[in-house]
Protein backbone atom coordinates (compact mmCIF):
# COMPACT_ATOMS: atom_id res chain seq x y z
CA MET A 1 0.00 0.00 0.00
CA ARG A 2 2.76 2.39 0.81
CA PHE A 3 4.55 1.73 -2.48
CA ARG A 4 1.36 2.46 -4.44
CA ALA A 5 0.85 5.82 -2.63
CA ILE A 6 4.43 6.88 -3.31
CA LEU A 7 4.12 5.87 -6.96
CA THR A 8 0.89 7.88 -7.29
CA LEU A 9 2.49 10.97 -5.71
CA VAL A 10 5.55 10.73 -7.97
CA THR A 11 3.32 10.34 -11.03
CA LEU A 12 1.26 13.40 -10.03
CA PHE A 13 4.45 15.41 -9.45
CA ILE A 14 5.88 14.49 -12.86
CA LEU A 15 2.56 15.25 -14.54
CA THR A 16 2.39 18.67 -12.80
CA VAL A 17 5.93 19.55 -13.88
CA PHE A 18 5.14 18.49 -17.45
CA VAL A 19 2.00 20.66 -17.59
CA ALA A 20 3.90 23.66 -16.15
CA CYS A 21 6.69 23.30 -18.72
CA LEU A 22 4.16 22.97 -21.52
CA SER A 23 2.35 26.13 -20.36
CA VAL A 24 5.60 28.12 -20.31
CA ALA A 25 6.56 26.88 -23.77
CA ILE A 26 3.17 27.82 -25.24
CA SER A 27 3.11 31.30 -23.68
CA SER A 28 6.68 32.14 -24.75
CA ASP A 29 5.90 31.04 -28.31
CA ALA A 30 2.85 33.32 -28.35
CA LEU A 31 4.96 36.29 -27.18
CA ALA A 32 7.66 35.60 -29.77
CA SER A 33 5.12 35.62 -32.61
CA GLN A 34 3.87 39.15 -31.79
CA PRO A 35 5.40 42.04 -33.76
CA HIS A 36 8.11 43.92 -31.89
CA GLY A 37 6.33 47.25 -32.32
CA SER A 38 3.55 46.22 -29.93
CA PHE A 39 5.97 46.38 -27.01
CA LEU A 40 7.08 49.99 -27.68
CA THR A 41 6.03 52.77 -25.38
CA SER A 42 4.45 55.87 -26.87
CA LYS A 43 7.77 57.74 -26.60
CA GLU A 44 9.57 55.04 -28.60
CA ALA A 45 6.81 54.84 -31.17
CA THR A 46 7.19 58.37 -32.44
CA GLU A 47 7.90 58.84 -36.14
CA HIS A 48 11.23 60.33 -37.26
CA ALA A 49 11.72 62.10 -40.60
CA SER A 50 13.73 64.77 -42.38
CA VAL A 51 12.76 67.51 -44.85
CA SER A 52 14.42 70.42 -46.64
CA GLY A 53 12.80 73.63 -47.75
CA LYS A 54 12.54 77.40 -47.39
CA ILE A 55 11.72 78.89 -43.98
CA SER A 56 8.45 80.78 -44.42
CA ALA A 57 7.66 81.93 -40.86
CA ILE A 58 9.31 82.10 -37.43
CA GLY A 59 7.50 82.21 -34.08
CA ASP A 60 8.60 82.21 -30.43
CA ALA A 61 9.09 78.45 -30.19
CA SER A 62 8.18 77.36 -33.70
CA PHE A 63 8.88 77.90 -37.37
CA SER A 64 7.41 76.86 -40.71
CA VAL A 65 9.14 75.42 -43.75
CA ASP A 66 7.74 75.34 -47.28
CA VAL A 67 8.50 71.89 -48.69
CA LYS A 68 8.02 70.83 -52.30
CA LYS A 69 6.13 67.53 -52.57
CA SER A 70 5.91 66.39 -56.18
CA GLN A 71 4.92 69.68 -57.83
CA ASP A 72 2.90 70.99 -54.89
CA LEU A 73 4.14 73.23 -52.10
CA ALA A 74 3.32 72.14 -48.54
CA THR A 75 3.98 74.15 -45.39
CA LEU A 76 5.13 72.16 -42.37
CA GLN A 77 5.05 73.65 -38.87
CA PHE A 78 7.84 72.67 -36.43
CA VAL A 79 8.10 73.15 -32.68
CA VAL A 80 11.48 73.96 -31.11
CA ASP A 81 12.20 72.61 -27.61
CA GLU A 82 15.18 72.55 -25.26
CA THR A 83 16.70 69.51 -27.02
CA THR A 84 16.59 71.03 -30.54
CA LYS A 85 20.05 71.62 -32.05
CA VAL A 86 20.17 74.51 -34.53
CA GLU A 87 23.16 75.09 -36.82
CA GLY A 88 22.98 78.55 -38.36
CA ARG A 89 20.43 81.31 -37.85
CA LEU A 90 16.72 80.85 -38.47
CA GLU A 91 15.67 83.54 -40.96
CA VAL A 92 12.67 83.76 -43.26
CA GLY A 93 13.82 82.89 -46.78
CA SER A 94 16.74 80.70 -45.68
CA ILE A 95 16.95 77.08 -46.79
CA ALA A 96 16.84 74.62 -43.90
CA THR A 97 17.12 70.89 -43.45
CA VAL A 98 15.04 69.74 -40.50
CA ASP A 99 15.29 66.39 -38.75
CA TYR A 100 12.19 65.95 -36.63
CA ARG A 101 10.01 63.57 -34.71
CA THR A 102 6.23 63.50 -34.63
CA ASP A 103 4.79 63.30 -31.14
CA GLU A 104 1.05 63.58 -30.45
CA GLY A 105 0.48 65.31 -33.79
CA ASN A 106 3.28 67.88 -33.32
CA ASN A 107 6.41 68.01 -35.49
CA ILE A 108 9.22 68.55 -32.99
CA ALA A 109 12.50 69.66 -34.58
CA THR A 110 15.47 67.67 -33.28
CA HIS A 111 18.21 69.07 -35.56
CA VAL A 112 18.06 72.05 -37.91
CA VAL A 113 20.79 73.02 -40.39
CA VAL A 114 20.21 76.48 -41.89
CA GLN A 115 21.91 77.79 -45.03
CA PRO A 116 22.00 81.59 -45.16
CA SER A 117 19.46 83.27 -47.43
CA ASN A 118 20.63 85.22 -50.49
CA THR A 119 19.53 88.52 -48.92
CA SER A 120 21.67 88.08 -45.78
CA ARG A 121 24.98 87.59 -47.67
């Protein structure tokens, strides 16, 4: 009788360990099949881009750049924050290359390189 009880307990233990290992294997496979983007926080999921064009307006903490898309002219508004690096002087009419990120619908300039306008030479 004692042998049978021990054998039953060992069998239940082995079966429990097997089920636990199977559960871990299934859940890790499900996580591995998800796209990596679903694990990003909102800060990491921001879009980064770069454009070049003519500066059309300058505000206190923002500026606009006219960018040619195909044959159309589009005006993009950029926000400047404490992390924005600006090379050159922002002047209306100057050509600028703007690296930026989009965060909550705002284009936040991260790096701006300004070429002097023809009138300031």
